[in-house]
Amino acid sequence: MNVAISNSSDKPIYQQLFEQISAQILKGELESGYCLPPIRQAAQELRVSIITVKKAWEELERCGLINTVTGKGCFVAEFSPDEILQIRNETVLKQMVSDASYYKSFGLSIEEVVELLKKIY
């Protein structure tokens, strides 16, 4: 698990944790059965609050990306390649819906959005 926290980001730290770990799961970097570090250990290593890590882990579990086994820890859920692809696409589509509304509020056309995306991609 590789996570980089930015204190200058507009995103809350728990959301940064959630997004980075979920991306690693959906890219296959964290395989099914991988044991996430205990909440206290992760908080200490990342130098963040235990509550912050707990919130990120709870969000990962709510989304079905990890499972908690009482007394043993939190583990990446079992997924088939098709399930990973479906979850990834649903996650990206959800973000794109939000982003599209933002771009529309500036009056950007789809062509303008695509051109801007090409510049940064």
PDB file of N, CA and C in Angstrom:
ATOM      1  N   MET A   1       0.848  -1.176   0.000  1.00  0.00           N
ATOM      2  CA  MET A   1       0.000   0.000   0.000  1.00  0.00           C
ATOM      3  C   MET A   1       0.888   1.232   0.000  1.00  0.00           C
ATOM      4  N   ASN A   2       0.678   2.085  -0.978  1.00  0.00           N
ATOM      5  CA  ASN A   2       1.476   3.296  -1.115  1.00  0.00           C
ATOM      6  C   ASN A   2       0.524   4.487  -1.128  1.00  0.00           C
ATOM      7  N   VAL A   3       0.625   5.349  -0.127  1.00  0.00           N
ATOM      8  CA  VAL A   3      -0.296   6.473   0.007  1.00  0.00           C
ATOM      9  C   VAL A   3       0.503   7.744   0.258  1.00  0.00           C
ATOM     10  N   ALA A   4       0.110   8.806  -0.428  1.00  0.00           N
ATOM     11  CA  ALA A   4       0.730  10.116  -0.221  1.00  0.00           C
ATOM     12  C   ALA A   4      -0.358  11.108   0.182  1.00  0.00           C
ATOM     13  N   ILE A   5      -0.236  11.658   1.352  1.00  0.00           N
ATOM     14  CA  ILE A   5      -1.211  12.605   1.882  1.00  0.00           C
ATOM     15  C   ILE A   5      -0.742  14.030   1.582  1.00  0.00           C
ATOM     16  N   SER A   6      -1.676  14.850   1.108  1.00  0.00           N
ATOM     17  CA  SER A   6      -1.371  16.249   0.856  1.00  0.00           C
ATOM     18  C   SER A   6      -2.175  17.112   1.818  1.00  0.00           C
ATOM     19  N   ASN A   7      -1.486  17.821   2.679  1.00  0.00           N
ATOM     20  CA  ASN A   7      -2.169  18.709   3.623  1.00  0.00           C
ATOM     21  C   ASN A   7      -2.678  19.977   2.946  1.00  0.00           C
ATOM     22  N   SER A   8      -2.204  20.243   1.735  1.00  0.00           N
ATOM     23  CA  SER A   8      -2.640  21.446   1.024  1.00  0.00           C
ATOM     24  C   SER A   8      -3.808  21.158   0.067  1.00  0.00           C
ATOM     25  N   SER A   9      -4.227  19.908  -0.014  1.00  0.00           N
ATOM     26  CA  SER A   9      -5.336  19.531  -0.892  1.00  0.00           C
ATOM     27  C   SER A   9      -6.662  20.029  -0.337  1.00  0.00           C
ATOM     28  N   ASP A  10      -7.587  20.309  -1.246  1.00  0.00           N
ATOM     29  CA  ASP A  10      -8.944  20.682  -0.836  1.00  0.00           C
ATOM     30  C   ASP A  10      -9.713  19.469  -0.321  1.00  0.00           C
ATOM     31  N   LYS A  11      -9.255  18.275  -0.679  1.00  0.00           N
ATOM     32  CA  LYS A  11      -9.941  17.055  -0.272  1.00  0.00           C
ATOM     33  C   LYS A  11      -9.571  16.695   1.156  1.00  0.00           C
ATOM     34  N   PRO A  12     -10.550  16.252   1.932  1.00  0.00           N
ATOM     35  CA  PRO A  12     -10.238  15.786   3.285  1.00  0.00           C
ATOM     36  C   PRO A  12      -9.271  14.603   3.224  1.00  0.00           C
ATOM     37  N   ILE A  13      -8.495  14.428   4.265  1.00  0.00           N
ATOM     38  CA  ILE A  13      -7.482  13.377   4.278  1.00  0.00           C
ATOM     39  C   ILE A  13      -8.108  11.994   4.148  1.00  0.00           C
ATOM     40  N   TYR A  14      -9.251  11.765   4.821  1.00  0.00           N
ATOM     41  CA  TYR A  14      -9.881  10.446   4.712  1.00  0.00           C
ATOM     42  C   TYR A  14     -10.257  10.154   3.265  1.00  0.00           C
ATOM     43  N   GLN A  15     -10.685  11.172   2.523  1.00  0.00           N
ATOM     44  CA  GLN A  15     -11.058  10.990   1.123  1.00  0.00           C
ATOM     45  C   GLN A  15      -9.827  10.705   0.266  1.00  0.00           C
ATOM     46  N   GLN A  16      -8.717  11.372   0.563  1.00  0.00           N
ATOM     47  CA  GLN A  16      -7.469  11.086  -0.143  1.00  0.00           C
ATOM     48  C   GLN A  16      -7.064   9.626   0.077  1.00  0.00           C
ATOM     49  N   LEU A  17      -7.164   9.162   1.312  1.00  0.00           N
ATOM     50  CA  LEU A  17      -6.856   7.765   1.630  1.00  0.00           C
ATOM     51  C   LEU A  17      -7.783   6.824   0.868  1.00  0.00           C
ATOM     52  N   PHE A  18      -9.075   7.106   0.952  1.00  0.00           N
ATOM     53  CA  PHE A  18     -10.066   6.266   0.275  1.00  0.00           C
ATOM     54  C   PHE A  18      -9.788   6.197  -1.223  1.00  0.00           C
ATOM     55  N   GLU A  19      -9.582   7.332  -1.851  1.00  0.00           N
ATOM     56  CA  GLU A  19      -9.386   7.364  -3.306  1.00  0.00           C
ATOM     57  C   GLU A  19      -8.114   6.639  -3.726  1.00  0.00           C
ATOM     58  N   GLN A  20      -7.034   6.847  -2.989  1.00  0.00           N
ATOM     59  CA  GLN A  20      -5.771   6.211  -3.368  1.00  0.00           C
ATOM     60  C   GLN A  20      -5.810   4.697  -3.164  1.00  0.00           C
ATOM     61  N   ILE A  21      -6.382   4.257  -2.056  1.00  0.00           N
ATOM     62  CA  ILE A  21      -6.446   2.816  -1.801  1.00  0.00           C
ATOM     63  C   ILE A  21      -7.439   2.149  -2.742  1.00  0.00           C
ATOM     64  N   SER A  22      -8.582   2.780  -2.977  1.00  0.00           N
ATOM     65  CA  SER A  22      -9.552   2.181  -3.903  1.00  0.00           C
ATOM     66  C   SER A  22      -8.965   2.099  -5.306  1.00  0.00           C
ATOM     67  N   ALA A  23      -8.203   3.101  -5.722  1.00  0.00           N
ATOM     68  CA  ALA A  23      -7.558   3.058  -7.040  1.00  0.00           C
ATOM     69  C   ALA A  23      -6.552   1.913  -7.104  1.00  0.00           C
ATOM     70  N   GLN A  24      -5.801   1.706  -6.036  1.00  0.00           N
ATOM     71  CA  GLN A  24      -4.824   0.613  -6.011  1.00  0.00           C
ATOM     72  C   GLN A  24      -5.525  -0.748  -6.075  1.00  0.00           C
ATOM     73  N   ILE A  25      -6.675  -0.854  -5.432  1.00  0.00           N
ATOM     74  CA  ILE A  25      -7.443  -2.097  -5.486  1.00  0.00           C
ATOM     75  C   ILE A  25      -7.971  -2.314  -6.903  1.00  0.00           C
ATOM     76  N   LEU A  26      -8.542  -1.274  -7.487  1.00  0.00           N
ATOM     77  CA  LEU A  26      -9.166  -1.402  -8.813  1.00  0.00           C
ATOM     78  C   LEU A  26      -8.146  -1.567  -9.933  1.00  0.00           C
ATOM     79  N   LYS A  27      -6.906  -1.160  -9.701  1.00  0.00           N
ATOM     80  CA  LYS A  27      -5.840  -1.378 -10.686  1.00  0.00           C
ATOM     81  C   LYS A  27      -5.149  -2.716 -10.472  1.00  0.00           C
ATOM     82  N   GLY A  28      -5.530  -3.421  -9.409  1.00  0.00           N
ATOM     83  CA  GLY A  28      -4.925  -4.720  -9.129  1.00  0.00           C
ATOM     84  C   GLY A  28      -3.615  -4.639  -8.381  1.00  0.00           C
ATOM     85  N   GLU A  29      -3.233  -3.451  -7.929  1.00  0.00           N
ATOM     86  CA  GLU A  29      -1.992  -3.295  -7.181  1.00  0.00           C
ATOM     87  C   GLU A  29      -2.112  -3.888  -5.778  1.00  0.00           C
ATOM     88  N   LEU A  30      -3.318  -3.835  -5.216  1.00  0.00           N
ATOM     89  CA  LEU A  30      -3.614  -4.498  -3.950  1.00  0.00           C
ATOM     90  C   LEU A  30      -4.553  -5.648  -4.279  1.00  0.00           C
ATOM     91  N   GLU A  31      -4.043  -6.847  -4.213  1.00  0.00           N
ATOM     92  CA  GLU A  31      -4.788  -8.023  -4.648  1.00  0.00           C
ATOM     93  C   GLU A  31      -5.783  -8.488  -3.600  1.00  0.00           C
ATOM     94  N   SER A  32      -6.744  -9.278  -4.055  1.00  0.00           N
ATOM     95  CA  SER A  32      -7.722  -9.882  -3.155  1.00  0.00           C
ATOM     96  C   SER A  32      -7.007 -10.585  -2.018  1.00  0.00           C
ATOM     97  N   GLY A  33      -7.505 -10.351  -0.808  1.00  0.00           N
ATOM     98  CA  GLY A  33      -6.914 -10.981   0.363  1.00  0.00           C
ATOM     99  C   GLY A  33      -5.805 -10.175   1.020  1.00  0.00           C
ATOM    100  N   TYR A  34      -5.347  -9.110   0.350  1.00  0.00           N
ATOM    101  CA  TYR A  34      -4.296  -8.271   0.937  1.00  0.00           C
ATOM    102  C   TYR A  34      -4.816  -7.691   2.253  1.00  0.00           C
ATOM    103  N   CYS A  35      -4.006  -7.751   3.288  1.00  0.00           N
ATOM    104  CA  CYS A  35      -4.387  -7.233   4.603  1.00  0.00           C
ATOM    105  C   CYS A  35      -3.912  -5.789   4.740  1.00  0.00           C
ATOM    106  N   LEU A  36      -4.867  -4.880   4.895  1.00  0.00           N
ATOM    107  CA  LEU A  36      -4.510  -3.482   5.139  1.00  0.00           C
ATOM    108  C   LEU A  36      -3.877  -3.371   6.521  1.00  0.00           C
ATOM    109  N   PRO A  37      -3.008  -2.397   6.715  1.00  0.00           N
ATOM    110  CA  PRO A  37      -2.426  -2.229   8.046  1.00  0.00           C
ATOM    111  C   PRO A  37      -3.524  -1.871   9.051  1.00  0.00           C
ATOM    112  N   PRO A  38      -3.334  -2.244  10.308  1.00  0.00           N
ATOM    113  CA  PRO A  38      -4.303  -1.853  11.331  1.00  0.00           C
ATOM    114  C   PRO A  38      -4.462  -0.334  11.359  1.00  0.00           C
ATOM    115  N   ILE A  39      -5.638   0.110  11.752  1.00  0.00           N
ATOM    116  CA  ILE A  39      -5.954   1.542  11.746  1.00  0.00           C
ATOM    117  C   ILE A  39      -4.932   2.353  12.541  1.00  0.00           C
ATOM    118  N   ARG A  40      -4.599   1.895  13.723  1.00  0.00           N
ATOM    119  CA  ARG A  40      -3.642   2.636  14.563  1.00  0.00           C
ATOM    120  C   ARG A  40      -2.269   2.721  13.902  1.00  0.00           C
ATOM    121  N   GLN A  41      -1.838   1.633  13.315  1.00  0.00           N
ATOM    122  CA  GLN A  41      -0.528   1.606  12.652  1.00  0.00           C
ATOM    123  C   GLN A  41      -0.522   2.542  11.441  1.00  0.00           C
ATOM    124  N   ALA A  42      -1.584   2.473  10.628  1.00  0.00           N
ATOM    125  CA  ALA A  42      -1.669   3.351   9.448  1.00  0.00           C
ATOM    126  C   ALA A  42      -1.686   4.812   9.864  1.00  0.00           C
ATOM    127  N   ALA A  43      -2.442   5.126  10.914  1.00  0.00           N
ATOM    128  CA  ALA A  43      -2.507   6.512  11.402  1.00  0.00           C
ATOM    129  C   ALA A  43      -1.142   6.995  11.851  1.00  0.00           C
ATOM    130  N   GLN A  44      -0.429   6.139  12.557  1.00  0.00           N
ATOM    131  CA  GLN A  44       0.897   6.505  13.049  1.00  0.00           C
ATOM    132  C   GLN A  44       1.865   6.714  11.886  1.00  0.00           C
ATOM    133  N   GLU A  45       1.873   5.784  10.926  1.00  0.00           N
ATOM    134  CA  GLU A  45       2.786   5.887   9.786  1.00  0.00           C
ATOM    135  C   GLU A  45       2.487   7.101   8.919  1.00  0.00           C
ATOM    136  N   LEU A  46       1.193   7.414   8.749  1.00  0.00           N
ATOM    137  CA  LEU A  46       0.799   8.542   7.906  1.00  0.00           C
ATOM    138  C   LEU A  46       0.760   9.868   8.671  1.00  0.00           C
ATOM    139  N   ARG A  47       0.897   9.752  10.002  1.00  0.00           N
ATOM    140  CA  ARG A  47       0.847  10.930  10.872  1.00  0.00           C
ATOM    141  C   ARG A  47      -0.483  11.674  10.738  1.00  0.00           C
ATOM    142  N   VAL A  48      -1.544  10.878  10.823  1.00  0.00           N
ATOM    143  CA  VAL A  48      -2.896  11.428  10.797  1.00  0.00           C
ATOM    144  C   VAL A  48      -3.674  10.825  11.956  1.00  0.00           C
ATOM    145  N   SER A  49      -4.862  11.339  12.168  1.00  0.00           N
ATOM    146  CA  SER A  49      -5.714  10.870  13.247  1.00  0.00           C
ATOM    147  C   SER A  49      -6.215   9.449  12.994  1.00  0.00           C
ATOM    148  N   ILE A  50      -6.376   8.696  14.073  1.00  0.00           N
ATOM    149  CA  ILE A  50      -6.975   7.365  13.990  1.00  0.00           C
ATOM    150  C   ILE A  50      -8.380   7.465  13.406  1.00  0.00           C
ATOM    151  N   ILE A  51      -9.105   8.495  13.786  1.00  0.00           N
ATOM    152  CA  ILE A  51     -10.473   8.700  13.294  1.00  0.00           C
ATOM    153  C   ILE A  51     -10.473   8.878  11.779  1.00  0.00           C
ATOM    154  N   THR A  52      -9.478   9.566  11.249  1.00  0.00           N
ATOM    155  CA  THR A  52      -9.362   9.787   9.804  1.00  0.00           C
ATOM    156  C   THR A  52      -9.178   8.467   9.070  1.00  0.00           C
ATOM    157  N   VAL A  53      -8.277   7.633   9.544  1.00  0.00           N
ATOM    158  CA  VAL A  53      -8.037   6.334   8.913  1.00  0.00           C
ATOM    159  C   VAL A  53      -9.273   5.450   9.060  1.00  0.00           C
ATOM    160  N   LYS A  54      -9.883   5.463  10.233  1.00  0.00           N
ATOM    161  CA  LYS A  54     -11.084   4.655  10.474  1.00  0.00           C
ATOM    162  C   LYS A  54     -12.182   5.035   9.484  1.00  0.00           C
ATOM    163  N   LYS A  55     -12.343   6.316   9.236  1.00  0.00           N
ATOM    164  CA  LYS A  55     -13.368   6.783   8.300  1.00  0.00           C
ATOM    165  C   LYS A  55     -13.076   6.294   6.876  1.00  0.00           C
ATOM    166  N   ALA A  56     -11.811   6.329   6.475  1.00  0.00           N
ATOM    167  CA  ALA A  56     -11.429   5.850   5.137  1.00  0.00           C
ATOM    168  C   ALA A  56     -11.680   4.352   5.016  1.00  0.00           C
ATOM    169  N   TRP A  57     -11.293   3.591   6.041  1.00  0.00           N
ATOM    170  CA  TRP A  57     -11.492   2.139   6.029  1.00  0.00           C
ATOM    171  C   TRP A  57     -12.988   1.814   5.989  1.00  0.00           C
ATOM    172  N   GLU A  58     -13.791   2.576   6.740  1.00  0.00           N
ATOM    173  CA  GLU A  58     -15.247   2.356   6.741  1.00  0.00           C
ATOM    174  C   GLU A  58     -15.837   2.628   5.359  1.00  0.00           C
ATOM    175  N   GLU A  59     -15.347   3.650   4.693  1.00  0.00           N
ATOM    176  CA  GLU A  59     -15.832   3.976   3.346  1.00  0.00           C
ATOM    177  C   GLU A  59     -15.442   2.877   2.358  1.00  0.00           C
ATOM    178  N   LEU A  60     -14.231   2.357   2.479  1.00  0.00           N
ATOM    179  CA  LEU A  60     -13.793   1.246   1.627  1.00  0.00           C
ATOM    180  C   LEU A  60     -14.677   0.025   1.842  1.00  0.00           C
ATOM    181  N   GLU A  61     -15.033  -0.223   3.092  1.00  0.00           N
ATOM    182  CA  GLU A  61     -15.899  -1.370   3.391  1.00  0.00           C
ATOM    183  C   GLU A  61     -17.319  -1.123   2.886  1.00  0.00           C
ATOM    184  N   ARG A  62     -17.816   0.093   3.058  1.00  0.00           N
ATOM    185  CA  ARG A  62     -19.163   0.439   2.586  1.00  0.00           C
ATOM    186  C   ARG A  62     -19.283   0.232   1.081  1.00  0.00           C
ATOM    187  N   CYS A  63     -18.204   0.510   0.361  1.00  0.00           N
ATOM    188  CA  CYS A  63     -18.191   0.342  -1.096  1.00  0.00           C
ATOM    189  C   CYS A  63     -17.927  -1.110  -1.508  1.00  0.00           C
ATOM    190  N   GLY A  64     -17.689  -1.971  -0.547  1.00  0.00           N
ATOM    191  CA  GLY A  64     -17.460  -3.378  -0.847  1.00  0.00           C
ATOM    192  C   GLY A  64     -16.063  -3.710  -1.322  1.00  0.00           C
ATOM    193  N   LEU A  65     -15.138  -2.774  -1.133  1.00  0.00           N
ATOM    194  CA  LEU A  65     -13.769  -3.005  -1.596  1.00  0.00           C
ATOM    195  C   LEU A  65     -12.932  -3.779  -0.583  1.00  0.00           C
ATOM    196  N   ILE A  66     -13.292  -3.673   0.695  1.00  0.00           N
ATOM    197  CA  ILE A  66     -12.593  -4.434   1.726  1.00  0.00           C
ATOM    198  C   ILE A  66     -13.616  -5.102   2.638  1.00  0.00           C
ATOM    199  N   ASN A  67     -13.163  -6.124   3.339  1.00  0.00           N
ATOM    200  CA  ASN A  67     -13.975  -6.806   4.341  1.00  0.00           C
ATOM    201  C   ASN A  67     -13.216  -6.786   5.652  1.00  0.00           C
ATOM    202  N   THR A  68     -13.946  -6.568   6.743  1.00  0.00           N
ATOM    203  CA  THR A  68     -13.338  -6.590   8.062  1.00  0.00           C
ATOM    204  C   THR A  68     -13.640  -7.928   8.718  1.00  0.00           C
ATOM    205  N   VAL A  69     -12.603  -8.566   9.208  1.00  0.00           N
ATOM    206  CA  VAL A  69     -12.738  -9.809   9.953  1.00  0.00           C
ATOM    207  C   VAL A  69     -12.367  -9.489  11.393  1.00  0.00           C
ATOM    208  N   THR A  70     -13.355  -9.560  12.286  1.00  0.00           N
ATOM    209  CA  THR A  70     -13.137  -9.203  13.686  1.00  0.00           C
ATOM    210  C   THR A  70     -11.952  -9.967  14.258  1.00  0.00           C
ATOM    211  N   GLY A  71     -11.041  -9.212  14.849  1.00  0.00           N
ATOM    212  CA  GLY A  71      -9.879  -9.802  15.483  1.00  0.00           C
ATOM    213  C   GLY A  71      -8.735 -10.122  14.537  1.00  0.00           C
ATOM    214  N   LYS A  72      -8.970  -9.985  13.235  1.00  0.00           N
ATOM    215  CA  LYS A  72      -7.922 -10.324  12.262  1.00  0.00           C
ATOM    216  C   LYS A  72      -7.495  -9.141  11.407  1.00  0.00           C
ATOM    217  N   GLY A  73      -8.432  -8.251  11.071  1.00  0.00           N
ATOM    218  CA  GLY A  73      -8.077  -7.083  10.280  1.00  0.00           C
ATOM    219  C   GLY A  73      -8.991  -6.843   9.100  1.00  0.00           C
ATOM    220  N   CYS A  74      -8.537  -5.951   8.236  1.00  0.00           N
ATOM    221  CA  CYS A  74      -9.286  -5.566   7.036  1.00  0.00           C
ATOM    222  C   CYS A  74      -8.560  -6.104   5.811  1.00  0.00           C
ATOM    223  N   PHE A  75      -9.319  -6.766   4.943  1.00  0.00           N
ATOM    224  CA  PHE A  75      -8.742  -7.437   3.785  1.00  0.00           C
ATOM    225  C   PHE A  75      -9.422  -6.982   2.503  1.00  0.00           C
ATOM    226  N   VAL A  76      -8.632  -6.874   1.422  1.00  0.00           N
ATOM    227  CA  VAL A  76      -9.196  -6.546   0.116  1.00  0.00           C
ATOM    228  C   VAL A  76     -10.156  -7.675  -0.262  1.00  0.00           C
ATOM    229  N   ALA A  77     -11.345  -7.283  -0.718  1.00  0.00           N
ATOM    230  CA  ALA A  77     -12.378  -8.243  -1.075  1.00  0.00           C
ATOM    231  C   ALA A  77     -11.978  -9.049  -2.308  1.00  0.00           C
ATOM    232  N   GLU A  78     -12.625 -10.192  -2.468  1.00  0.00           N
ATOM    233  CA  GLU A  78     -12.387 -11.065  -3.624  1.00  0.00           C
ATOM    234  C   GLU A  78     -13.180 -10.529  -4.816  1.00  0.00           C
ATOM    235  N   PHE A  79     -12.513 -10.355  -5.942  1.00  0.00           N
ATOM    236  CA  PHE A  79     -13.166  -9.867  -7.156  1.00  0.00           C
ATOM    237  C   PHE A  79     -12.684 -10.666  -8.355  1.00  0.00           C
ATOM    238  N   SER A  80     -13.598 -10.896  -9.283  1.00  0.00           N
ATOM    239  CA  SER A  80     -13.194 -11.456 -10.571  1.00  0.00           C
ATOM    240  C   SER A  80     -12.716 -10.280 -11.420  1.00  0.00           C
ATOM    241  N   PRO A  81     -11.970 -10.545 -12.491  1.00  0.00           N
ATOM    242  CA  PRO A  81     -11.545  -9.443 -13.369  1.00  0.00           C
ATOM    243  C   PRO A  81     -12.728  -8.643 -13.919  1.00  0.00           C
ATOM    244  N   ASP A  82     -13.839  -9.322 -14.222  1.00  0.00           N
ATOM    245  CA  ASP A  82     -15.026  -8.622 -14.728  1.00  0.00           C
ATOM    246  C   ASP A  82     -15.619  -7.702 -13.668  1.00  0.00           C
ATOM    247  N   GLU A  83     -15.625  -8.163 -12.421  1.00  0.00           N
ATOM    248  CA  GLU A  83     -16.157  -7.335 -11.335  1.00  0.00           C
ATOM    249  C   GLU A  83     -15.294  -6.103 -11.117  1.00  0.00           C
ATOM    250  N   ILE A  84     -13.983  -6.275 -11.170  1.00  0.00           N
ATOM    251  CA  ILE A  84     -13.072  -5.135 -11.021  1.00  0.00           C
ATOM    252  C   ILE A  84     -13.346  -4.102 -12.107  1.00  0.00           C
ATOM    253  N   LEU A  85     -13.472  -4.574 -13.339  1.00  0.00           N
ATOM    254  CA  LEU A  85     -13.738  -3.679 -14.467  1.00  0.00           C
ATOM    255  C   LEU A  85     -15.055  -2.940 -14.273  1.00  0.00           C
ATOM    256  N   GLN A  86     -16.075  -3.650 -13.838  1.00  0.00           N
ATOM    257  CA  GLN A  86     -17.388  -3.036 -13.629  1.00  0.00           C
ATOM    258  C   GLN A  86     -17.334  -1.990 -12.516  1.00  0.00           C
ATOM    259  N   ILE A  87     -16.708  -2.306 -11.402  1.00  0.00           N
ATOM    260  CA  ILE A  87     -16.600  -1.357 -10.291  1.00  0.00           C
ATOM    261  C   ILE A  87     -15.790  -0.139 -10.707  1.00  0.00           C
ATOM    262  N   ARG A  88     -14.678  -0.385 -11.413  1.00  0.00           N
ATOM    263  CA  ARG A  88     -13.843   0.727 -11.882  1.00  0.00           C
ATOM    264  C   ARG A  88     -14.642   1.662 -12.777  1.00  0.00           C
ATOM    265  N   ASN A  89     -15.362   1.083 -13.738  1.00  0.00           N
ATOM    266  CA  ASN A  89     -16.136   1.907 -14.669  1.00  0.00           C
ATOM    267  C   ASN A  89     -17.244   2.675 -13.964  1.00  0.00           C
ATOM    268  N   GLU A  90     -17.916   2.036 -13.009  1.00  0.00           N
ATOM    269  CA  GLU A  90     -18.963   2.715 -12.246  1.00  0.00           C
ATOM    270  C   GLU A  90     -18.388   3.865 -11.426  1.00  0.00           C
ATOM    271  N   THR A  91     -17.221   3.642 -10.826  1.00  0.00           N
ATOM    272  CA  THR A  91     -16.565   4.668 -10.021  1.00  0.00           C
ATOM    273  C   THR A  91     -16.164   5.863 -10.879  1.00  0.00           C
ATOM    274  N   VAL A  92     -15.576   5.577 -12.025  1.00  0.00           N
ATOM    275  CA  VAL A  92     -15.150   6.650 -12.935  1.00  0.00           C
ATOM    276  C   VAL A  92     -16.360   7.400 -13.477  1.00  0.00           C
ATOM    277  N   LEU A  93     -17.394   6.665 -13.845  1.00  0.00           N
ATOM    278  CA  LEU A  93     -18.600   7.297 -14.386  1.00  0.00           C
ATOM    279  C   LEU A  93     -19.237   8.229 -13.356  1.00  0.00           C
ATOM    280  N   LYS A  94     -19.270   7.799 -12.105  1.00  0.00           N
ATOM    281  CA  LYS A  94     -19.822   8.637 -11.030  1.00  0.00           C
ATOM    282  C   LYS A  94     -19.057   9.957 -10.937  1.00  0.00           C
ATOM    283  N   GLN A  95     -17.730   9.877 -11.002  1.00  0.00           N
ATOM    284  CA  GLN A  95     -16.909  11.095 -10.946  1.00  0.00           C
ATOM    285  C   GLN A  95     -17.140  11.957 -12.184  1.00  0.00           C
ATOM    286  N   MET A  96     -17.279  11.307 -13.345  1.00  0.00           N
ATOM    287  CA  MET A  96     -17.469  12.052 -14.586  1.00  0.00           C
ATOM    288  C   MET A  96     -18.791  12.820 -14.586  1.00  0.00           C
ATOM    289  N   VAL A  97     -19.820  12.255 -13.976  1.00  0.00           N
ATOM    290  CA  VAL A  97     -21.112  12.943 -13.881  1.00  0.00           C
ATOM    291  C   VAL A  97     -20.937  14.240 -13.102  1.00  0.00           C
ATOM    292  N   SER A  98     -20.225  14.152 -11.995  1.00  0.00           N
ATOM    293  CA  SER A  98     -19.959  15.335 -11.181  1.00  0.00           C
ATOM    294  C   SER A  98     -19.118  16.345 -11.955  1.00  0.00           C
ATOM    295  N   ASP A  99     -18.073  15.856 -12.613  1.00  0.00           N
ATOM    296  CA  ASP A  99     -17.188  16.737 -13.376  1.00  0.00           C
ATOM    297  C   ASP A  99     -17.931  17.404 -14.540  1.00  0.00           C
ATOM    298  N   ALA A 100     -18.784  16.646 -15.222  1.00  0.00           N
ATOM    299  CA  ALA A 100     -19.513  17.188 -16.366  1.00  0.00           C
ATOM    300  C   ALA A 100     -20.396  18.356 -15.937  1.00  0.00           C
ATOM    301  N   SER A 101     -21.031  18.233 -14.793  1.00  0.00           N
ATOM    302  CA  SER A 101     -21.864  19.336 -14.292  1.00  0.00           C
ATOM    303  C   SER A 101     -21.023  20.580 -14.040  1.00  0.00           C
ATOM    304  N   TYR A 102     -19.848  20.371 -13.509  1.00  0.00           N
ATOM    305  CA  TYR A 102     -18.935  21.480 -13.239  1.00  0.00           C
ATOM    306  C   TYR A 102     -18.535  22.171 -14.543  1.00  0.00           C
ATOM    307  N   TYR A 103     -18.159  21.386 -15.555  1.00  0.00           N
ATOM    308  CA  TYR A 103     -17.745  21.946 -16.839  1.00  0.00           C
ATOM    309  C   TYR A 103     -18.889  22.668 -17.530  1.00  0.00           C
ATOM    310  N   LYS A 104     -20.077  22.104 -17.434  1.00  0.00           N
ATOM    311  CA  LYS A 104     -21.255  22.742 -18.034  1.00  0.00           C
ATOM    312  C   LYS A 104     -21.526  24.097 -17.398  1.00  0.00           C
ATOM    313  N   SER A 105     -21.235  24.211 -16.089  1.00  0.00           N
ATOM    314  CA  SER A 105     -21.486  25.485 -15.408  1.00  0.00           C
ATOM    315  C   SER A 105     -20.611  26.604 -15.964  1.00  0.00           C
ATOM    316  N   PHE A 106     -19.506  26.251 -16.628  1.00  0.00           N
ATOM    317  CA  PHE A 106     -18.632  27.227 -17.275  1.00  0.00           C
ATOM    318  C   PHE A 106     -18.997  27.431 -18.737  1.00  0.00           C
ATOM    319  N   GLY A 107     -20.004  26.689 -19.215  1.00  0.00           N
ATOM    320  CA  GLY A 107     -20.431  26.811 -20.600  1.00  0.00           C
ATOM    321  C   GLY A 107     -19.509  26.115 -21.590  1.00  0.00           C
ATOM    322  N   LEU A 108     -18.698  25.170 -21.104  1.00  0.00           N
ATOM    323  CA  LEU A 108     -17.788  24.457 -22.000  1.00  0.00           C
ATOM    324  C   LEU A 108     -18.544  23.417 -22.827  1.00  0.00           C
ATOM    325  N   SER A 109     -18.169  23.308 -24.094  1.00  0.00           N
ATOM    326  CA  SER A 109     -18.739  22.265 -24.948  1.00  0.00           C
ATOM    327  C   SER A 109     -17.978  20.967 -24.700  1.00  0.00           C
ATOM    328  N   ILE A 110     -18.535  19.859 -25.154  1.00  0.00           N
ATOM    329  CA  ILE A 110     -17.860  18.565 -25.004  1.00  0.00           C
ATOM    330  C   ILE A 110     -16.514  18.583 -25.734  1.00  0.00           C
ATOM    331  N   GLU A 111     -16.480  19.261 -26.869  1.00  0.00           N
ATOM    332  CA  GLU A 111     -15.236  19.343 -27.639  1.00  0.00           C
ATOM    333  C   GLU A 111     -14.154  20.090 -26.852  1.00  0.00           C
ATOM    334  N   GLU A 112     -14.554  21.172 -26.180  1.00  0.00           N
ATOM    335  CA  GLU A 112     -13.598  21.938 -25.384  1.00  0.00           C
ATOM    336  C   GLU A 112     -13.087  21.106 -24.191  1.00  0.00           C
ATOM    337  N   VAL A 113     -13.979  20.374 -23.578  1.00  0.00           N
ATOM    338  CA  VAL A 113     -13.589  19.532 -22.452  1.00  0.00           C
ATOM    339  C   VAL A 113     -12.606  18.462 -22.913  1.00  0.00           C
ATOM    340  N   VAL A 114     -12.892  17.842 -24.047  1.00  0.00           N
ATOM    341  CA  VAL A 114     -12.010  16.794 -24.576  1.00  0.00           C
ATOM    342  C   VAL A 114     -10.638  17.378 -24.895  1.00  0.00           C
ATOM    343  N   GLU A 115     -10.587  18.540 -25.502  1.00  0.00           N
ATOM    344  CA  GLU A 115      -9.301  19.172 -25.827  1.00  0.00           C
ATOM    345  C   GLU A 115      -8.506  19.486 -24.556  1.00  0.00           C
ATOM    346  N   LEU A 116      -9.179  19.994 -23.527  1.00  0.00           N
ATOM    347  CA  LEU A 116      -8.490  20.268 -22.271  1.00  0.00           C
ATOM    348  C   LEU A 116      -8.007  18.972 -21.628  1.00  0.00           C
ATOM    349  N   LEU A 117      -8.809  17.946 -21.675  1.00  0.00           N
ATOM    350  CA  LEU A 117      -8.427  16.659 -21.114  1.00  0.00           C
ATOM    351  C   LEU A 117      -7.209  16.083 -21.847  1.00  0.00           C
ATOM    352  N   LYS A 118      -7.202  16.224 -23.160  1.00  0.00           N
ATOM    353  CA  LYS A 118      -6.060  15.731 -23.947  1.00  0.00           C
ATOM    354  C   LYS A 118      -4.767  16.424 -23.541  1.00  0.00           C
ATOM    355  N   LYS A 119      -4.851  17.699 -23.183  1.00  0.00           N
ATOM    356  CA  LYS A 119      -3.650  18.447 -22.801  1.00  0.00           C
ATOM    357  C   LYS A 119      -3.035  17.938 -21.499  1.00  0.00           C
ATOM    358  N   ILE A 120      -3.873  17.497 -20.588  1.00  0.00           N
ATOM    359  CA  ILE A 120      -3.335  17.070 -19.292  1.00  0.00           C
ATOM    360  C   ILE A 120      -3.133  15.568 -19.201  1.00  0.00           C
ATOM    361  N   TYR A 121      -3.755  14.822 -20.097  1.00  0.00           N
ATOM    362  CA  TYR A 121      -3.659  13.357 -20.039  1.00  0.00           C
ATOM    363  C   TYR A 121      -2.402  12.942 -20.695  1.00  0.00           C
TER     364      TYR A 121
END
